[in-house]
Each structure stands twice: as C-alpha cells, then as structure tokens.
N, C-alpha and C. Protein backbone atom coordinates (compact mmCIF):
# COMPACT_ATOMS: atom_id res chain seq x y z
N MET A 1 34.54 -29.41 29.19
CA MET A 1 33.98 -30.65 28.65
C MET A 1 32.47 -30.68 28.78
N THR A 2 32.00 -30.09 29.87
CA THR A 2 30.54 -30.10 30.10
C THR A 2 29.81 -29.28 29.07
N LEU A 3 30.36 -28.06 28.76
CA LEU A 3 29.71 -27.21 27.76
C LEU A 3 29.73 -27.86 26.39
N ILE A 4 30.85 -28.49 26.06
CA ILE A 4 30.95 -29.15 24.76
C ILE A 4 29.97 -30.32 24.68
N GLY A 5 29.85 -31.06 25.79
CA GLY A 5 28.92 -32.19 25.82
C GLY A 5 27.49 -31.74 25.67
N ASN A 6 27.13 -30.60 26.32
CA ASN A 6 25.77 -30.10 26.20
C ASN A 6 25.46 -29.65 24.78
N LYS A 7 26.44 -29.03 24.11
CA LYS A 7 26.25 -28.59 22.73
C LYS A 7 26.03 -29.79 21.80
N LYS A 8 26.72 -30.90 22.09
CA LYS A 8 26.56 -32.08 21.26
C LYS A 8 25.22 -32.76 21.52
N MET A 9 24.72 -32.68 22.77
CA MET A 9 23.48 -33.35 23.12
C MET A 9 22.26 -32.65 22.53
N LYS A 10 22.33 -31.32 22.36
CA LYS A 10 21.18 -30.59 21.83
C LYS A 10 20.80 -31.06 20.44
N PRO A 11 21.74 -31.15 19.47
CA PRO A 11 21.36 -31.68 18.15
C PRO A 11 20.85 -33.11 18.21
N VAL A 12 21.43 -33.91 19.12
CA VAL A 12 21.00 -35.30 19.24
C VAL A 12 19.56 -35.38 19.74
N SER A 13 19.24 -34.62 20.78
CA SER A 13 17.88 -34.63 21.32
C SER A 13 16.89 -34.04 20.33
N LYS A 14 17.31 -33.01 19.61
CA LYS A 14 16.43 -32.40 18.61
C LYS A 14 16.11 -33.37 17.50
N THR A 15 17.12 -34.11 17.03
CA THR A 15 16.91 -35.11 15.99
C THR A 15 16.03 -36.25 16.49
N PHE A 16 16.25 -36.65 17.76
CA PHE A 16 15.46 -37.73 18.34
C PHE A 16 13.98 -37.37 18.40
N PHE A 17 13.66 -36.18 18.91
CA PHE A 17 12.26 -35.78 19.03
C PHE A 17 11.62 -35.52 17.67
N LYS A 18 12.43 -35.07 16.71
CA LYS A 18 11.91 -34.89 15.36
C LYS A 18 11.49 -36.24 14.77
N GLY A 19 12.33 -37.25 14.97
CA GLY A 19 11.97 -38.59 14.51
C GLY A 19 10.79 -39.16 15.28
N LEU A 20 10.73 -38.86 16.59
CA LEU A 20 9.64 -39.36 17.42
C LEU A 20 8.30 -38.77 16.96
N ILE A 21 8.29 -37.48 16.68
CA ILE A 21 7.06 -36.83 16.22
C ILE A 21 6.62 -37.39 14.88
N ALA A 22 7.59 -37.75 14.04
CA ALA A 22 7.26 -38.27 12.71
C ALA A 22 6.75 -39.71 12.77
N ILE A 23 7.29 -40.51 13.69
CA ILE A 23 6.97 -41.94 13.69
C ILE A 23 5.74 -42.28 14.52
N ILE A 24 5.41 -41.47 15.52
CA ILE A 24 4.25 -41.77 16.37
C ILE A 24 2.95 -41.82 15.56
N PRO A 25 2.65 -40.84 14.69
CA PRO A 25 1.41 -40.95 13.89
C PRO A 25 1.38 -42.19 13.02
N LEU A 26 2.55 -42.58 12.46
CA LEU A 26 2.59 -43.79 11.63
C LEU A 26 2.30 -45.03 12.45
N ILE A 27 2.87 -45.11 13.65
CA ILE A 27 2.66 -46.28 14.51
C ILE A 27 1.20 -46.36 14.95
N LEU A 28 0.63 -45.23 15.36
CA LEU A 28 -0.76 -45.23 15.81
C LEU A 28 -1.71 -45.55 14.67
N THR A 29 -1.43 -45.05 13.47
CA THR A 29 -2.27 -45.37 12.31
C THR A 29 -2.21 -46.85 11.99
N LEU A 30 -0.99 -47.41 11.98
CA LEU A 30 -0.82 -48.84 11.72
C LEU A 30 -1.51 -49.68 12.80
N TYR A 31 -1.39 -49.25 14.05
CA TYR A 31 -2.02 -49.98 15.16
C TYR A 31 -3.55 -49.97 15.01
N LEU A 32 -4.11 -48.82 14.62
CA LEU A 32 -5.55 -48.73 14.44
C LEU A 32 -6.03 -49.62 13.31
N LEU A 33 -5.28 -49.65 12.20
CA LEU A 33 -5.65 -50.50 11.08
C LEU A 33 -5.58 -51.98 11.46
N LEU A 34 -4.53 -52.35 12.21
CA LEU A 34 -4.39 -53.74 12.65
C LEU A 34 -5.50 -54.12 13.63
N TRP A 35 -5.88 -53.17 14.49
CA TRP A 35 -6.97 -53.41 15.44
C TRP A 35 -8.29 -53.64 14.72
N LEU A 36 -8.55 -52.82 13.69
CA LEU A 36 -9.77 -53.00 12.91
C LEU A 36 -9.77 -54.35 12.19
N ALA A 37 -8.61 -54.71 11.64
CA ALA A 37 -8.50 -55.99 10.95
C ALA A 37 -8.70 -57.15 11.91
N ASP A 38 -8.10 -57.06 13.10
CA ASP A 38 -8.25 -58.14 14.10
C ASP A 38 -9.69 -58.24 14.58
N THR A 39 -10.36 -57.10 14.75
CA THR A 39 -11.75 -57.11 15.18
C THR A 39 -12.65 -57.75 14.13
N ALA A 40 -12.42 -57.37 12.86
CA ALA A 40 -13.19 -57.99 11.78
C ALA A 40 -12.92 -59.48 11.69
N GLU A 41 -11.67 -59.86 11.89
CA GLU A 41 -11.30 -61.28 11.83
C GLU A 41 -11.96 -62.05 12.97
N LEU A 42 -12.00 -61.46 14.16
CA LEU A 42 -12.60 -62.14 15.31
C LEU A 42 -14.09 -62.33 15.14
N VAL A 43 -14.79 -61.28 14.72
CA VAL A 43 -16.25 -61.35 14.60
C VAL A 43 -16.67 -62.18 13.40
N LEU A 44 -16.16 -61.82 12.22
CA LEU A 44 -16.57 -62.50 11.00
C LEU A 44 -15.96 -63.90 10.88
N GLY A 45 -14.80 -64.10 11.52
CA GLY A 45 -14.22 -65.43 11.52
C GLY A 45 -15.09 -66.42 12.27
N ASN A 46 -15.68 -65.99 13.37
CA ASN A 46 -16.60 -66.87 14.11
C ASN A 46 -17.85 -67.17 13.30
N ILE A 47 -18.32 -66.18 12.53
CA ILE A 47 -19.47 -66.43 11.66
C ILE A 47 -19.11 -67.46 10.59
N PHE A 48 -17.90 -67.34 10.06
CA PHE A 48 -17.43 -68.30 9.06
C PHE A 48 -17.38 -69.71 9.65
N LYS A 49 -16.88 -69.82 10.86
CA LYS A 49 -16.78 -71.13 11.51
C LYS A 49 -18.16 -71.72 11.83
N PHE A 50 -19.13 -70.84 12.05
CA PHE A 50 -20.47 -71.31 12.42
C PHE A 50 -21.15 -72.02 11.25
N PHE A 51 -20.93 -71.53 10.04
CA PHE A 51 -21.60 -72.10 8.87
C PHE A 51 -20.75 -73.17 8.16
N LEU A 52 -19.44 -73.11 8.33
CA LEU A 52 -18.57 -74.04 7.63
C LEU A 52 -17.71 -74.81 8.63
N PRO A 53 -17.19 -75.95 8.23
CA PRO A 53 -16.33 -76.73 9.14
C PRO A 53 -15.07 -75.96 9.54
N ASP A 54 -14.58 -76.26 10.73
CA ASP A 54 -13.37 -75.58 11.23
C ASP A 54 -12.15 -75.87 10.35
N SER A 55 -12.14 -77.04 9.71
CA SER A 55 -10.99 -77.40 8.88
C SER A 55 -10.88 -76.50 7.65
N TRP A 56 -11.97 -75.85 7.27
CA TRP A 56 -11.97 -74.97 6.11
C TRP A 56 -11.44 -73.57 6.45
N TYR A 57 -11.38 -73.29 7.74
CA TYR A 57 -11.04 -71.92 8.15
C TYR A 57 -9.53 -71.68 8.09
N ILE A 58 -9.14 -70.59 7.49
CA ILE A 58 -7.75 -70.13 7.45
C ILE A 58 -7.72 -68.71 8.00
N LYS A 59 -6.77 -68.45 8.85
CA LYS A 59 -6.69 -67.12 9.45
C LYS A 59 -6.58 -66.05 8.37
N GLY A 60 -7.45 -65.08 8.47
CA GLY A 60 -7.52 -64.02 7.48
C GLY A 60 -8.79 -64.07 6.65
N LEU A 61 -9.49 -65.23 6.67
CA LEU A 61 -10.73 -65.37 5.91
C LEU A 61 -11.83 -64.46 6.46
N GLY A 62 -11.80 -64.23 7.77
CA GLY A 62 -12.80 -63.34 8.36
C GLY A 62 -12.68 -61.93 7.84
N PHE A 63 -11.45 -61.44 7.73
CA PHE A 63 -11.22 -60.09 7.21
C PHE A 63 -11.60 -60.01 5.73
N VAL A 64 -11.22 -61.03 4.97
CA VAL A 64 -11.59 -61.06 3.55
C VAL A 64 -13.10 -61.13 3.39
N LEU A 65 -13.74 -61.91 4.25
CA LEU A 65 -15.20 -62.01 4.22
C LEU A 65 -15.84 -60.65 4.51
N GLY A 66 -15.25 -59.90 5.44
CA GLY A 66 -15.77 -58.57 5.76
C GLY A 66 -15.69 -57.63 4.58
N LEU A 67 -14.58 -57.67 3.85
CA LEU A 67 -14.44 -56.83 2.66
C LEU A 67 -15.47 -57.21 1.60
N ALA A 68 -15.65 -58.52 1.41
CA ALA A 68 -16.62 -58.98 0.41
C ALA A 68 -18.04 -58.60 0.79
N VAL A 69 -18.38 -58.75 2.07
CA VAL A 69 -19.73 -58.40 2.52
C VAL A 69 -19.99 -56.90 2.34
N ALA A 70 -19.01 -56.06 2.69
CA ALA A 70 -19.17 -54.62 2.54
C ALA A 70 -19.36 -54.23 1.08
N TYR A 71 -18.61 -54.88 0.19
CA TYR A 71 -18.72 -54.55 -1.24
C TYR A 71 -20.07 -54.97 -1.80
N PHE A 72 -20.47 -56.20 -1.52
CA PHE A 72 -21.75 -56.68 -2.05
C PHE A 72 -22.93 -55.94 -1.43
N PHE A 73 -22.82 -55.57 -0.15
CA PHE A 73 -23.88 -54.81 0.50
C PHE A 73 -24.01 -53.44 -0.15
N GLY A 74 -22.87 -52.82 -0.47
CA GLY A 74 -22.91 -51.54 -1.18
C GLY A 74 -23.49 -51.67 -2.57
N SER A 75 -23.20 -52.79 -3.24
CA SER A 75 -23.76 -53.02 -4.57
C SER A 75 -25.27 -53.18 -4.50
N PHE A 76 -25.75 -53.89 -3.48
CA PHE A 76 -27.19 -54.06 -3.33
C PHE A 76 -27.89 -52.73 -3.04
N LEU A 77 -27.22 -51.85 -2.30
CA LEU A 77 -27.83 -50.55 -1.98
C LEU A 77 -27.96 -49.66 -3.20
N GLU A 78 -27.22 -49.97 -4.27
CA GLU A 78 -27.31 -49.19 -5.49
C GLU A 78 -28.43 -49.68 -6.40
N THR A 79 -29.09 -50.78 -6.05
CA THR A 79 -30.23 -51.26 -6.83
C THR A 79 -31.49 -50.51 -6.42
N ARG A 80 -32.63 -50.86 -7.02
CA ARG A 80 -33.88 -50.15 -6.74
C ARG A 80 -34.66 -50.77 -5.59
N THR A 81 -34.65 -52.09 -5.49
CA THR A 81 -35.49 -52.76 -4.50
C THR A 81 -34.83 -52.90 -3.14
N PHE A 82 -33.53 -53.19 -3.11
CA PHE A 82 -32.86 -53.45 -1.84
C PHE A 82 -32.87 -52.24 -0.89
N PRO A 83 -32.66 -50.99 -1.38
CA PRO A 83 -32.72 -49.86 -0.46
C PRO A 83 -34.05 -49.75 0.28
N ARG A 84 -35.16 -50.10 -0.39
CA ARG A 84 -36.46 -50.05 0.26
C ARG A 84 -36.55 -51.06 1.39
N LEU A 85 -36.01 -52.25 1.15
CA LEU A 85 -36.00 -53.27 2.20
C LEU A 85 -35.11 -52.84 3.37
N PHE A 86 -33.99 -52.22 3.04
CA PHE A 86 -33.08 -51.77 4.10
C PHE A 86 -33.72 -50.66 4.93
N ILE A 87 -34.44 -49.75 4.27
CA ILE A 87 -35.12 -48.67 4.99
C ILE A 87 -36.19 -49.24 5.91
N SER A 88 -36.91 -50.25 5.44
CA SER A 88 -37.93 -50.89 6.28
C SER A 88 -37.30 -51.55 7.49
N PHE A 89 -36.16 -52.22 7.28
CA PHE A 89 -35.45 -52.85 8.39
C PHE A 89 -34.93 -51.79 9.35
N GLU A 90 -34.43 -50.67 8.81
CA GLU A 90 -33.92 -49.60 9.65
C GLU A 90 -35.03 -48.99 10.49
N GLU A 91 -36.20 -48.83 9.91
CA GLU A 91 -37.34 -48.29 10.67
C GLU A 91 -37.72 -49.23 11.82
N PHE A 92 -37.60 -50.52 11.59
CA PHE A 92 -37.87 -51.48 12.66
C PHE A 92 -36.84 -51.35 13.78
N VAL A 93 -35.57 -51.19 13.41
CA VAL A 93 -34.51 -51.04 14.41
C VAL A 93 -34.71 -49.77 15.22
N LEU A 94 -35.16 -48.70 14.57
CA LEU A 94 -35.34 -47.42 15.25
C LEU A 94 -36.50 -47.44 16.24
N GLN A 95 -37.29 -48.47 16.23
CA GLN A 95 -38.38 -48.59 17.20
C GLN A 95 -37.94 -49.20 18.52
N ILE A 96 -36.74 -49.75 18.55
CA ILE A 96 -36.20 -50.34 19.77
C ILE A 96 -35.49 -49.25 20.57
N PRO A 97 -35.93 -48.94 21.78
CA PRO A 97 -35.44 -47.77 22.52
C PRO A 97 -33.91 -47.67 22.64
N VAL A 98 -33.26 -48.64 23.26
CA VAL A 98 -31.82 -48.55 23.51
C VAL A 98 -31.03 -48.68 22.21
N VAL A 99 -31.43 -49.63 21.38
CA VAL A 99 -30.74 -49.85 20.11
C VAL A 99 -30.84 -48.60 19.23
N LYS A 100 -31.96 -47.90 19.29
CA LYS A 100 -32.15 -46.70 18.48
C LYS A 100 -31.09 -45.65 18.77
N SER A 101 -30.81 -45.40 20.04
CA SER A 101 -29.84 -44.37 20.42
C SER A 101 -28.43 -44.73 19.94
N ILE A 102 -28.05 -45.99 20.13
CA ILE A 102 -26.71 -46.43 19.73
C ILE A 102 -26.58 -46.42 18.21
N TYR A 103 -27.58 -46.95 17.53
CA TYR A 103 -27.52 -47.08 16.06
C TYR A 103 -27.48 -45.72 15.39
N THR A 104 -28.35 -44.80 15.79
CA THR A 104 -28.40 -43.49 15.15
C THR A 104 -27.12 -42.69 15.40
N ALA A 105 -26.54 -42.82 16.60
CA ALA A 105 -25.30 -42.09 16.89
C ALA A 105 -24.16 -42.57 16.00
N ILE A 106 -24.03 -43.90 15.86
CA ILE A 106 -22.97 -44.45 15.01
C ILE A 106 -23.23 -44.14 13.55
N ARG A 107 -24.48 -44.28 13.11
CA ARG A 107 -24.83 -44.02 11.70
C ARG A 107 -24.56 -42.58 11.31
N ASP A 108 -24.98 -41.64 12.15
CA ASP A 108 -24.80 -40.23 11.82
C ASP A 108 -23.33 -39.83 11.83
N PHE A 109 -22.53 -40.43 12.74
CA PHE A 109 -21.11 -40.11 12.79
C PHE A 109 -20.39 -40.64 11.56
N ILE A 110 -20.69 -41.89 11.17
CA ILE A 110 -20.05 -42.48 10.01
C ILE A 110 -20.45 -41.74 8.73
N SER A 111 -21.68 -41.25 8.66
CA SER A 111 -22.16 -40.59 7.45
C SER A 111 -21.42 -39.29 7.17
N LEU A 112 -20.80 -38.71 8.18
CA LEU A 112 -20.03 -37.48 7.96
C LEU A 112 -18.85 -37.71 7.02
N PHE A 113 -18.34 -38.94 6.97
CA PHE A 113 -17.16 -39.24 6.17
C PHE A 113 -17.50 -39.82 4.80
N SER A 114 -18.79 -40.00 4.52
CA SER A 114 -19.17 -40.56 3.23
C SER A 114 -19.12 -39.48 2.16
N SER A 115 -18.88 -39.90 0.92
CA SER A 115 -18.80 -38.95 -0.19
C SER A 115 -20.13 -38.26 -0.45
N GLU A 116 -21.26 -38.92 -0.09
CA GLU A 116 -22.56 -38.32 -0.32
C GLU A 116 -22.83 -37.17 0.63
N GLN A 117 -22.09 -37.11 1.74
CA GLN A 117 -22.32 -36.07 2.73
C GLN A 117 -21.31 -34.93 2.65
N LYS A 118 -20.40 -34.99 1.67
CA LYS A 118 -19.37 -33.96 1.58
C LYS A 118 -19.98 -32.59 1.36
N GLY A 119 -21.10 -32.53 0.60
CA GLY A 119 -21.74 -31.25 0.36
C GLY A 119 -22.37 -30.66 1.59
N LYS A 120 -22.57 -31.47 2.62
CA LYS A 120 -23.19 -30.98 3.86
C LYS A 120 -22.15 -30.51 4.87
N PHE A 121 -20.88 -30.73 4.59
CA PHE A 121 -19.87 -30.48 5.62
C PHE A 121 -18.59 -29.98 4.98
N ASN A 122 -18.72 -29.03 4.04
CA ASN A 122 -17.52 -28.61 3.31
C ASN A 122 -17.30 -27.10 3.32
N LYS A 123 -18.07 -26.36 4.10
CA LYS A 123 -17.87 -24.92 4.17
C LYS A 123 -17.23 -24.55 5.51
N VAL A 124 -16.04 -24.00 5.42
CA VAL A 124 -15.32 -23.57 6.63
C VAL A 124 -15.60 -22.10 6.85
N VAL A 125 -15.96 -21.74 8.08
CA VAL A 125 -16.32 -20.35 8.38
C VAL A 125 -15.65 -19.90 9.67
N LEU A 126 -15.55 -18.60 9.82
CA LEU A 126 -15.15 -17.98 11.08
C LEU A 126 -16.41 -17.45 11.76
N VAL A 127 -16.59 -17.84 13.00
CA VAL A 127 -17.77 -17.45 13.77
C VAL A 127 -17.38 -16.35 14.74
N ASN A 128 -18.09 -15.24 14.70
CA ASN A 128 -17.82 -14.14 15.61
C ASN A 128 -18.29 -14.47 17.01
N ILE A 129 -17.41 -14.26 17.98
CA ILE A 129 -17.73 -14.50 19.39
C ILE A 129 -17.57 -13.17 20.14
N PRO A 130 -18.65 -12.39 20.29
CA PRO A 130 -18.54 -11.07 20.93
C PRO A 130 -18.05 -11.14 22.37
N LEU A 131 -18.39 -12.24 23.09
CA LEU A 131 -18.01 -12.34 24.50
C LEU A 131 -16.51 -12.28 24.69
N PHE A 132 -15.77 -12.93 23.79
CA PHE A 132 -14.31 -12.96 23.89
C PHE A 132 -13.65 -12.01 22.88
N ASN A 133 -14.47 -11.27 22.14
CA ASN A 133 -13.95 -10.35 21.14
C ASN A 133 -13.02 -11.07 20.16
N GLY A 134 -13.47 -12.25 19.72
CA GLY A 134 -12.65 -13.05 18.82
C GLY A 134 -13.50 -13.84 17.85
N GLN A 135 -12.88 -14.81 17.19
CA GLN A 135 -13.55 -15.65 16.21
C GLN A 135 -13.15 -17.10 16.42
N GLN A 136 -14.01 -18.03 15.99
CA GLN A 136 -13.76 -19.46 16.11
C GLN A 136 -14.06 -20.13 14.78
N ILE A 137 -13.24 -21.13 14.42
CA ILE A 137 -13.44 -21.85 13.17
C ILE A 137 -14.55 -22.88 13.35
N GLY A 138 -15.44 -22.94 12.36
CA GLY A 138 -16.54 -23.89 12.39
C GLY A 138 -16.87 -24.39 11.00
N PHE A 139 -17.86 -25.28 10.92
CA PHE A 139 -18.28 -25.87 9.66
C PHE A 139 -19.79 -25.73 9.53
N ILE A 140 -20.24 -25.20 8.42
CA ILE A 140 -21.68 -25.09 8.17
C ILE A 140 -22.23 -26.47 7.84
N THR A 141 -23.28 -26.88 8.54
CA THR A 141 -23.91 -28.17 8.28
C THR A 141 -25.28 -28.00 7.62
N VAL A 142 -25.97 -26.91 7.90
CA VAL A 142 -27.26 -26.62 7.28
C VAL A 142 -27.26 -25.15 6.88
N SER A 143 -27.41 -24.89 5.59
CA SER A 143 -27.38 -23.51 5.11
C SER A 143 -28.57 -23.17 4.22
N ASP A 144 -29.17 -24.17 3.59
CA ASP A 144 -30.27 -23.94 2.66
C ASP A 144 -31.57 -24.42 3.30
N ILE A 145 -32.57 -23.56 3.33
CA ILE A 145 -33.83 -23.91 3.98
C ILE A 145 -34.53 -25.06 3.28
N GLU A 146 -34.19 -25.28 1.98
CA GLU A 146 -34.84 -26.34 1.22
C GLU A 146 -34.25 -27.71 1.51
N GLU A 147 -33.07 -27.75 2.14
CA GLU A 147 -32.42 -29.05 2.35
C GLU A 147 -32.72 -29.65 3.72
N HIS A 148 -33.59 -29.03 4.49
CA HIS A 148 -33.93 -29.57 5.80
C HIS A 148 -35.37 -29.24 6.13
N SER A 149 -35.88 -29.88 7.16
CA SER A 149 -37.26 -29.65 7.59
C SER A 149 -37.32 -29.12 9.02
N HIS A 150 -36.23 -28.53 9.48
CA HIS A 150 -36.20 -28.00 10.85
C HIS A 150 -36.88 -26.64 10.88
N THR A 151 -38.03 -26.58 11.51
CA THR A 151 -38.79 -25.33 11.54
C THR A 151 -38.16 -24.28 12.43
N PHE A 152 -37.27 -24.68 13.33
CA PHE A 152 -36.67 -23.71 14.24
C PHE A 152 -35.51 -22.95 13.61
N ILE A 153 -35.10 -23.32 12.40
CA ILE A 153 -34.03 -22.61 11.70
C ILE A 153 -34.65 -21.64 10.71
N ALA A 154 -34.45 -20.34 10.93
CA ALA A 154 -35.05 -19.33 10.07
C ALA A 154 -34.28 -19.22 8.75
N ASP A 155 -34.86 -18.44 7.83
CA ASP A 155 -34.24 -18.29 6.51
C ASP A 155 -32.89 -17.60 6.58
N ASP A 156 -32.73 -16.71 7.55
CA ASP A 156 -31.47 -15.96 7.67
C ASP A 156 -30.51 -16.59 8.67
N GLN A 157 -30.75 -17.86 9.01
CA GLN A 157 -29.89 -18.56 9.97
C GLN A 157 -29.23 -19.78 9.33
N VAL A 158 -28.15 -20.23 9.94
CA VAL A 158 -27.45 -21.44 9.51
C VAL A 158 -27.08 -22.25 10.74
N ALA A 159 -26.84 -23.54 10.53
CA ALA A 159 -26.35 -24.42 11.60
C ALA A 159 -24.85 -24.59 11.41
N VAL A 160 -24.09 -24.29 12.47
CA VAL A 160 -22.63 -24.35 12.41
C VAL A 160 -22.12 -25.31 13.48
N PHE A 161 -21.25 -26.23 13.07
CA PHE A 161 -20.63 -27.16 14.01
C PHE A 161 -19.28 -26.61 14.44
N LEU A 162 -19.09 -26.48 15.75
CA LEU A 162 -17.85 -25.95 16.31
C LEU A 162 -17.11 -27.06 17.05
N PRO A 163 -16.12 -27.69 16.43
CA PRO A 163 -15.41 -28.80 17.08
C PRO A 163 -14.46 -28.31 18.17
N PHE A 164 -14.14 -29.23 19.08
CA PHE A 164 -13.21 -28.94 20.16
C PHE A 164 -11.78 -29.24 19.72
N SER A 165 -10.82 -28.68 20.44
CA SER A 165 -9.41 -28.97 20.20
C SER A 165 -8.94 -30.05 21.17
N TYR A 166 -8.04 -30.92 20.67
CA TYR A 166 -7.42 -31.98 21.46
C TYR A 166 -8.44 -32.96 22.05
N GLN A 167 -9.62 -33.06 21.45
CA GLN A 167 -10.61 -34.03 21.91
C GLN A 167 -11.71 -34.16 20.87
N MET A 168 -12.46 -35.28 20.98
CA MET A 168 -13.58 -35.50 20.08
C MET A 168 -14.80 -34.74 20.58
N GLY A 169 -15.63 -34.31 19.65
CA GLY A 169 -16.87 -33.64 20.03
C GLY A 169 -16.89 -32.18 19.62
N GLY A 170 -17.99 -31.53 19.95
CA GLY A 170 -18.15 -30.13 19.62
C GLY A 170 -19.57 -29.68 19.89
N ASN A 171 -19.89 -28.46 19.49
CA ASN A 171 -21.22 -27.90 19.68
C ASN A 171 -21.81 -27.49 18.34
N THR A 172 -23.11 -27.70 18.19
CA THR A 172 -23.83 -27.22 17.02
C THR A 172 -24.63 -26.00 17.41
N VAL A 173 -24.39 -24.89 16.71
CA VAL A 173 -24.98 -23.60 17.07
C VAL A 173 -25.82 -23.10 15.90
N ILE A 174 -27.03 -22.64 16.20
CA ILE A 174 -27.88 -21.99 15.21
C ILE A 174 -27.67 -20.49 15.34
N MET A 175 -27.21 -19.84 14.27
CA MET A 175 -26.89 -18.42 14.36
C MET A 175 -27.22 -17.71 13.06
N SER A 176 -27.21 -16.39 13.16
CA SER A 176 -27.49 -15.56 11.99
C SER A 176 -26.32 -15.60 11.02
N ARG A 177 -26.62 -15.46 9.74
CA ARG A 177 -25.58 -15.43 8.72
C ARG A 177 -24.64 -14.24 8.91
N GLU A 178 -25.11 -13.20 9.57
CA GLU A 178 -24.29 -12.01 9.77
C GLU A 178 -23.11 -12.27 10.70
N ASN A 179 -23.20 -13.34 11.51
CA ASN A 179 -22.15 -13.62 12.50
C ASN A 179 -21.09 -14.59 12.00
N ILE A 180 -21.14 -14.93 10.72
CA ILE A 180 -20.15 -15.86 10.17
C ILE A 180 -19.49 -15.26 8.93
N VAL A 181 -18.25 -15.67 8.68
CA VAL A 181 -17.50 -15.24 7.51
C VAL A 181 -16.89 -16.48 6.89
N GLU A 182 -17.23 -16.77 5.65
CA GLU A 182 -16.67 -17.94 4.97
C GLU A 182 -15.22 -17.68 4.61
N ILE A 183 -14.35 -18.67 4.84
CA ILE A 183 -12.93 -18.54 4.54
C ILE A 183 -12.50 -19.60 3.54
N ASP A 184 -11.49 -19.28 2.78
CA ASP A 184 -10.98 -20.19 1.75
C ASP A 184 -9.98 -21.15 2.38
N MET A 185 -10.50 -22.20 3.01
CA MET A 185 -9.67 -23.21 3.67
C MET A 185 -10.33 -24.56 3.48
N SER A 186 -9.54 -25.58 3.19
CA SER A 186 -10.10 -26.91 3.02
C SER A 186 -10.53 -27.48 4.38
N VAL A 187 -11.44 -28.44 4.32
CA VAL A 187 -11.91 -29.07 5.55
C VAL A 187 -10.77 -29.77 6.27
N GLU A 188 -9.88 -30.42 5.51
CA GLU A 188 -8.75 -31.14 6.11
C GLU A 188 -7.83 -30.18 6.86
N ASP A 189 -7.49 -29.04 6.24
CA ASP A 189 -6.62 -28.06 6.91
C ASP A 189 -7.29 -27.48 8.15
N ALA A 190 -8.60 -27.23 8.05
CA ALA A 190 -9.31 -26.66 9.19
C ALA A 190 -9.38 -27.65 10.35
N LEU A 191 -9.66 -28.91 10.05
CA LEU A 191 -9.72 -29.92 11.10
C LEU A 191 -8.36 -30.11 11.76
N ARG A 192 -7.30 -30.08 10.94
CA ARG A 192 -5.95 -30.23 11.49
C ARG A 192 -5.61 -29.04 12.39
N PHE A 193 -5.99 -27.85 11.97
CA PHE A 193 -5.72 -26.65 12.75
C PHE A 193 -6.48 -26.67 14.07
N ILE A 194 -7.76 -27.09 14.02
CA ILE A 194 -8.58 -27.11 15.24
C ILE A 194 -8.12 -28.21 16.19
N ALA A 195 -7.85 -29.40 15.64
CA ALA A 195 -7.50 -30.55 16.48
C ALA A 195 -6.25 -30.30 17.30
N THR A 196 -5.31 -29.51 16.76
CA THR A 196 -4.05 -29.24 17.46
C THR A 196 -4.00 -27.84 18.04
N ALA A 197 -5.16 -27.16 18.09
CA ALA A 197 -5.21 -25.80 18.63
C ALA A 197 -4.27 -24.85 17.90
N GLY A 198 -4.06 -25.10 16.61
CA GLY A 198 -3.22 -24.23 15.81
C GLY A 198 -1.74 -24.53 15.89
N VAL A 199 -1.36 -25.51 16.70
CA VAL A 199 0.07 -25.83 16.84
C VAL A 199 0.60 -26.49 15.58
N VAL A 200 -0.20 -27.43 15.02
CA VAL A 200 0.19 -28.14 13.80
C VAL A 200 -0.88 -27.89 12.76
N GLY A 201 -0.46 -27.61 11.57
CA GLY A 201 -1.42 -27.43 10.49
C GLY A 201 -0.93 -26.39 9.51
N ARG A 202 -1.31 -26.56 8.24
CA ARG A 202 -0.93 -25.63 7.21
C ARG A 202 -2.18 -25.06 6.58
N VAL A 203 -2.25 -23.76 6.50
CA VAL A 203 -3.37 -23.09 5.90
C VAL A 203 -2.91 -22.53 4.58
N ASN A 204 -3.46 -23.04 3.49
CA ASN A 204 -3.04 -22.63 2.15
C ASN A 204 -4.03 -21.63 1.57
N GLY A 205 -3.49 -20.49 1.17
CA GLY A 205 -4.31 -19.52 0.46
C GLY A 205 -5.50 -19.04 1.26
N GLU A 206 -5.29 -18.76 2.54
CA GLU A 206 -6.40 -18.31 3.38
C GLU A 206 -6.85 -16.94 2.90
N LYS A 207 -8.15 -16.83 2.69
CA LYS A 207 -8.71 -15.61 2.12
C LYS A 207 -10.12 -15.43 2.63
N ASN A 208 -10.41 -14.32 3.30
CA ASN A 208 -11.73 -14.08 3.83
C ASN A 208 -12.70 -13.70 2.72
N LYS A 209 -13.91 -14.16 2.87
CA LYS A 209 -14.98 -13.81 1.95
C LYS A 209 -16.12 -13.20 2.72
N SER A 210 -16.69 -12.17 2.20
CA SER A 210 -17.82 -11.57 2.87
C SER A 210 -19.09 -12.34 2.56
C-alpha cells in the first residue's frame, strides 16, 4: 500500500508544483499592478481632495487623474516650447545635491524601457572572460563614437552592461570590440536567460556573428 500511495502522490505533487510555478508570476504581476494603482490613488487622490471638495471625490479618481496627467504631460513634451521649459526646470533640479542623485538614478533607469532608448540597448553580445575561460551575456550600451561624448572610450572600444542573475543590478565594462561576439538573441530572451541563470528561458535561433 505504501508503494502504491507513493506512486499516486508523485503525479499529484508534480501537478501541484507545475500549477504553483504557473500561478506565482501571475499573482505577483497582479499584486504589483494593484500596488502601483493604490499608490497613484493615494498620492493623486490627496491632490484631488486639496483642490476640490471632499464630496466630489470618488475612489478611483486619483488613478484616473494620474493617467490623464501622464497623457497630457507626454503631449506637451511633443510640442516645441514645453520641452525647453522642462529642460530648464530639470537643470534647476539637478543643482540640488541630494535631489540630483535620486532624480538622475530614477530617470536613467526608467529611460531604459522607453521606446526612444531601444536603439541604445538592443544588441546582445557574448563577452570573453579569459580568467574563467568562458563567456558572459551582456548588452552593448555605447558602440558608436558619434553618439556619446565620453573621451575615455576609444574608437575600438564599446560599453557593455553585464547584468546579474537572480538580482537587480550589474556592471558596465569598457572593453575592446575584439572581446565581444554579437549573437542573434532578442533582449527579452537574453534578460530572461540571465535573470534565471539559464534555468528558465527560450533562446530562438541562436547564431553567433563575428
């Protein structure tokens, strides 16, 4: 009876963990979205209450107000005059010591996900590591001498970002073009492969390029 019971439990436990692995990312994604919505509602809802009577406030108006503000702010940035005013305001903010560090860190991180920055972060490469006699996946961030003003990057060098596995962060390395090999892999597949240390991820049509 014990052997039969163990045989029956294995498929049950396998099915349970398969469902657990599938549902955890969905729950965490939903939780993050709800947290962002609640945060926007808390902050912008108080702003709404400050300018208008409390009787006018309905739960959810803060989140809707946030969406409207983001859309109209983006529309203003597409005009000719507003970007100049925003740049002037940004220069003023960057003169404040503590605020400068926090603002630039958040701004630069968010800009990585914007469509305007996709051209700066879309080349996946293998970086040669002689010390370990191996290679590491990275992303080229600076490759053309005309697109930056960093005098310490030579014409035959590139800037490569090497992310960590199972954690946020990474290292930016300036290296010779001879030490990298571009591979035919999408940024999404590469990030998934790195984030899980190769445990989870699909690499489609991987092909080395010289």
